[in-house]
C-alpha atoms as a PDB file:
ATOM      1  CA  UNK A   1     133.677 -85.185  57.185  1.00  0.00           C
ATOM      2  CA  UNK A   2     134.049 -88.400  55.178  1.00  0.00           C
ATOM      3  CA  UNK A   3     135.795 -90.159  58.051  1.00  0.00           C
ATOM      4  CA  UNK A   4     133.089 -89.113  60.499  1.00  0.00           C
ATOM      5  CA  UNK A   5     130.470 -90.428  58.044  1.00  0.00           C
ATOM      6  CA  UNK A   6     128.863 -86.985  57.680  1.00  0.00           C
ATOM      7  CA  UNK A   7     129.222 -87.320  53.888  1.00  0.00           C
ATOM      8  CA  UNK A   8     129.146 -90.392  51.644  1.00  0.00           C
ATOM      9  CA  UNK A   9     131.882 -89.380  49.245  1.00  0.00           C
ATOM     10  CA  UNK A  10     133.773 -86.341  47.982  1.00  0.00           C
ATOM     11  CA  UNK A  11     132.359 -83.979  45.345  1.00  0.00           C
ATOM     12  CA  UNK A  12     129.396 -85.958  43.994  1.00  0.00           C
ATOM     13  CA  UNK A  13     126.501 -83.883  45.323  1.00  0.00           C
ATOM     14  CA  UNK A  14     126.459 -81.147  42.698  1.00  0.00           C
ATOM     15  CA  UNK A  15     126.723 -83.667  39.889  1.00  0.00           C
ATOM     16  CA  UNK A  16     123.838 -85.688  41.351  1.00  0.00           C
ATOM     17  CA  UNK A  17     121.718 -82.537  41.746  1.00  0.00           C
ATOM     18  CA  UNK A  18     122.383 -81.585  38.119  1.00  0.00           C
ATOM     19  CA  UNK A  19     121.479 -85.058  36.835  1.00  0.00           C
ATOM     20  CA  UNK A  20     118.320 -85.303  38.956  1.00  0.00           C
ATOM     21  CA  UNK A  21     117.148 -81.868  37.814  1.00  0.00           C
ATOM     22  CA  UNK A  22     117.835 -82.677  34.162  1.00  0.00           C
ATOM     23  CA  UNK A  23     115.847 -85.897  34.518  1.00  0.00           C
ATOM     24  CA  UNK A  24     112.946 -84.054  36.205  1.00  0.00           C
ATOM     25  CA  UNK A  25     112.992 -81.189  33.694  1.00  0.00           C
ATOM     26  CA  UNK A  26     113.909 -78.586  36.309  1.00  0.00           C
ATOM     27  CA  UNK A  27     116.400 -75.865  35.441  1.00  0.00           C
ATOM     28  CA  UNK A  28     119.137 -75.424  38.057  1.00  0.00           C
ATOM     29  CA  UNK A  29     121.981 -72.930  38.403  1.00  0.00           C
ATOM     30  CA  UNK A  30     124.931 -72.738  40.761  1.00  0.00           C
ATOM     31  CA  UNK A  31     126.034 -69.280  41.885  1.00  0.00           C
ATOM     32  CA  UNK A  32     129.327 -68.419  43.536  1.00  0.00           C
ATOM     33  CA  UNK A  33     128.980 -66.089  46.513  1.00  0.00           C
ATOM     34  CA  UNK A  34     131.629 -64.397  48.671  1.00  0.00           C
ATOM     35  CA  UNK A  35     131.148 -66.872  51.504  1.00  0.00           C
ATOM     36  CA  UNK A  36     130.106 -69.990  49.601  1.00  0.00           C
ATOM     37  CA  UNK A  37     127.663 -70.798  46.839  1.00  0.00           C
ATOM     38  CA  UNK A  38     123.933 -71.035  46.191  1.00  0.00           C
ATOM     39  CA  UNK A  39     121.897 -73.557  44.257  1.00  0.00           C
ATOM     40  CA  UNK A  40     118.952 -71.972  42.405  1.00  0.00           C
ATOM     41  CA  UNK A  41     116.068 -74.177  41.288  1.00  0.00           C
ATOM     42  CA  UNK A  42     113.529 -72.877  38.756  1.00  0.00           C
ATOM     43  CA  UNK A  43     109.935 -74.063  38.788  1.00  0.00           C
ATOM     44  CA  UNK A  44     108.820 -76.128  35.822  1.00  0.00           C
ATOM     45  CA  UNK A  45     106.143 -74.375  33.747  1.00  0.00           C
ATOM     46  CA  UNK A  46     103.519 -77.071  34.398  1.00  0.00           C
ATOM     47  CA  UNK A  47     103.538 -76.401  38.153  1.00  0.00           C
ATOM     48  CA  UNK A  48     103.661 -72.621  37.950  1.00  0.00           C
ATOM     49  CA  UNK A  49     101.221 -70.757  40.209  1.00  0.00           C
ATOM     50  CA  UNK A  50      98.955 -73.678  40.997  1.00  0.00           C
ATOM     51  CA  UNK A  51      96.557 -71.863  43.304  1.00  0.00           C
ATOM     52  CA  UNK A  52      92.848 -72.647  43.327  1.00  0.00           C
ATOM     53  CA  UNK A  53      91.868 -69.145  42.181  1.00  0.00           C
ATOM     54  CA  UNK A  54      94.372 -69.172  39.364  1.00  0.00           C
ATOM     55  CA  UNK A  55      93.536 -72.709  38.270  1.00  0.00           C
ATOM     56  CA  UNK A  56      89.802 -71.915  38.110  1.00  0.00           C
ATOM     57  CA  UNK A  57      90.359 -68.775  36.048  1.00  0.00           C
ATOM     58  CA  UNK A  58      92.746 -70.460  33.659  1.00  0.00           C
ATOM     59  CA  UNK A  59      90.585 -73.568  33.358  1.00  0.00           C
ATOM     60  CA  UNK A  60      87.493 -71.545  32.489  1.00  0.00           C
ATOM     61  CA  UNK A  61      89.348 -69.415  29.946  1.00  0.00           C
ATOM     62  CA  UNK A  62      91.582 -72.118  28.555  1.00  0.00           C
ATOM     63  CA  UNK A  63      88.840 -74.651  27.935  1.00  0.00           C
ATOM     64  CA  UNK A  64      88.522 -73.918  24.216  1.00  0.00           C
ATOM     65  CA  UNK A  65      90.675 -70.938  23.365  1.00  0.00           C
ATOM     66  CA  UNK A  66      94.130 -71.680  24.796  1.00  0.00           C
ATOM     67  CA  UNK A  67      95.949 -74.574  23.185  1.00  0.00           C
ATOM     68  CA  UNK A  68      99.417 -73.896  24.556  1.00  0.00           C
ATOM     69  CA  UNK A  69     100.736 -74.570  28.089  1.00  0.00           C
ATOM     70  CA  UNK A  70     102.839 -71.419  27.979  1.00  0.00           C
ATOM     71  CA  UNK A  71      99.711 -69.355  27.240  1.00  0.00           C
ATOM     72  CA  UNK A  72      98.035 -71.027  30.213  1.00  0.00           C
ATOM     73  CA  UNK A  73     101.045 -70.148  32.367  1.00  0.00           C
ATOM     74  CA  UNK A  74     100.909 -66.527  31.220  1.00  0.00           C
ATOM     75  CA  UNK A  75      97.173 -66.449  32.050  1.00  0.00           C
ATOM     76  CA  UNK A  76      97.958 -67.897  35.485  1.00  0.00           C
ATOM     77  CA  UNK A  77     100.508 -65.179  36.135  1.00  0.00           C
ATOM     78  CA  UNK A  78      98.013 -62.488  35.089  1.00  0.00           C
ATOM     79  CA  UNK A  79      95.252 -63.999  37.241  1.00  0.00           C
ATOM     80  CA  UNK A  80      97.580 -64.064  40.242  1.00  0.00           C
ATOM     81  CA  UNK A  81      98.913 -60.523  39.696  1.00  0.00           C
ATOM     82  CA  UNK A  82      97.072 -58.303  37.170  1.00  0.00           C
ATOM     83  CA  UNK A  83      99.793 -55.633  37.349  1.00  0.00           C
ATOM     84  CA  UNK A  84     102.570 -58.079  36.406  1.00  0.00           C
ATOM     85  CA  UNK A  85     104.956 -57.017  33.648  1.00  0.00           C
ATOM     86  CA  UNK A  86     106.066 -59.069  30.659  1.00  0.00           C
ATOM     87  CA  UNK A  87     109.617 -58.937  32.042  1.00  0.00           C
ATOM     88  CA  UNK A  88     108.503 -60.419  35.371  1.00  0.00           C
ATOM     89  CA  UNK A  89     106.536 -63.181  33.620  1.00  0.00           C
ATOM     90  CA  UNK A  90     109.614 -63.924  31.511  1.00  0.00           C
ATOM     91  CA  UNK A  91     111.773 -64.171  34.623  1.00  0.00           C
ATOM     92  CA  UNK A  92     109.336 -66.501  36.381  1.00  0.00           C
ATOM     93  CA  UNK A  93     108.774 -68.900  33.470  1.00  0.00           C
ATOM     94  CA  UNK A  94     112.331 -68.793  32.094  1.00  0.00           C
ATOM     95  CA  UNK A  95     111.447 -67.337  28.702  1.00  0.00           C
ATOM     96  CA  UNK A  96     112.680 -64.177  27.020  1.00  0.00           C
ATOM     97  CA  UNK A  97     110.615 -60.983  27.410  1.00  0.00           C
ATOM     98  CA  UNK A  98     110.080 -60.968  23.636  1.00  0.00           C
ATOM     99  CA  UNK A  99     108.652 -64.515  23.742  1.00  0.00           C
ATOM    100  CA  UNK A 100     106.301 -63.553  26.568  1.00  0.00           C
ATOM    101  CA  UNK A 101     105.212 -60.497  24.561  1.00  0.00           C
ATOM    102  CA  UNK A 102     104.325 -62.769  21.619  1.00  0.00           C
ATOM    103  CA  UNK A 103     102.150 -64.880  23.916  1.00  0.00           C
ATOM    104  CA  UNK A 104     100.499 -61.758  25.340  1.00  0.00           C
ATOM    105  CA  UNK A 105      99.818 -60.533  21.796  1.00  0.00           C
ATOM    106  CA  UNK A 106      98.310 -63.916  20.921  1.00  0.00           C
ATOM    107  CA  UNK A 107      96.058 -63.842  23.994  1.00  0.00           C
ATOM    108  CA  UNK A 108      94.948 -60.312  23.102  1.00  0.00           C
ATOM    109  CA  UNK A 109      94.134 -61.338  19.519  1.00  0.00           C
ATOM    110  CA  UNK A 110      92.009 -64.186  20.898  1.00  0.00           C
ATOM    111  CA  UNK A 111      90.200 -61.622  23.098  1.00  0.00           C
ATOM    112  CA  UNK A 112      91.214 -63.450  26.268  1.00  0.00           C
ATOM    113  CA  UNK A 113      93.128 -60.595  27.914  1.00  0.00           C
ATOM    114  CA  UNK A 114      93.329 -56.848  27.512  1.00  0.00           C
ATOM    115  CA  UNK A 115      95.528 -54.119  28.882  1.00  0.00           C
ATOM    116  CA  UNK A 116      93.645 -51.520  30.924  1.00  0.00           C
ATOM    117  CA  UNK A 117      95.395 -48.230  31.601  1.00  0.00           C
ATOM    118  CA  UNK A 118      98.841 -47.031  30.654  1.00  0.00           C
ATOM    119  CA  UNK A 119     101.805 -49.130  29.662  1.00  0.00           C
ATOM    120  CA  UNK A 120     103.646 -48.374  32.902  1.00  0.00           C
ATOM    121  CA  UNK A 121     100.881 -48.356  35.498  1.00  0.00           C
ATOM    122  CA  UNK A 122      98.100 -50.327  33.791  1.00  0.00           C
ATOM    123  CA  UNK A 123      96.679 -53.737  34.598  1.00  0.00           C
ATOM    124  CA  UNK A 124      95.958 -56.919  32.669  1.00  0.00           C
ATOM    125  CA  UNK A 125      92.371 -58.084  32.646  1.00  0.00           C
ATOM    126  CA  UNK A 126      91.218 -61.592  31.733  1.00  0.00           C
ATOM    127  CA  UNK A 127      88.109 -61.208  29.597  1.00  0.00           C
ATOM    128  CA  UNK A 128      87.414 -64.393  27.629  1.00  0.00           C
ATOM    129  CA  UNK A 129      85.329 -67.227  29.014  1.00  0.00           C
ATOM    130  CA  UNK A 130      85.260 -66.050  32.630  1.00  0.00           C
ATOM    131  CA  UNK A 131      82.546 -63.420  32.175  1.00  0.00           C
ATOM    132  CA  UNK A 132      80.280 -65.860  30.348  1.00  0.00           C
ATOM    133  CA  UNK A 133      80.574 -68.489  33.082  1.00  0.00           C
ATOM    134  CA  UNK A 134      79.713 -66.018  35.852  1.00  0.00           C
ATOM    135  CA  UNK A 135      76.442 -64.934  34.193  1.00  0.00           C
END
């Protein structure tokens, strides 16, 4: 492939991907598969779930009460999917489930979210700031 000019040089692509991702703050993993390999890129927290609906909800809640970007990301995940689990949030934002639980506890103490229903089949509800703005 080098002689046909289909590649520039041998074996530099993965190293360049790793360096570019480190520089951009993006986590990357390489996985070996039976028939090759896969490159997995993880979204940076700042760009997580940047939909208009989610951004509006988080902006209205986060205005005064949320000081932490991770809390904003957790709120975004809840606004996008109220039935989301702490484990799923942890997977998406590359944090441990215990860390996500601490952020959920903090948001509950600030009266910004509450759990409605059972632990297994319940939903998260955003309560702070949004209700006041809609009145």
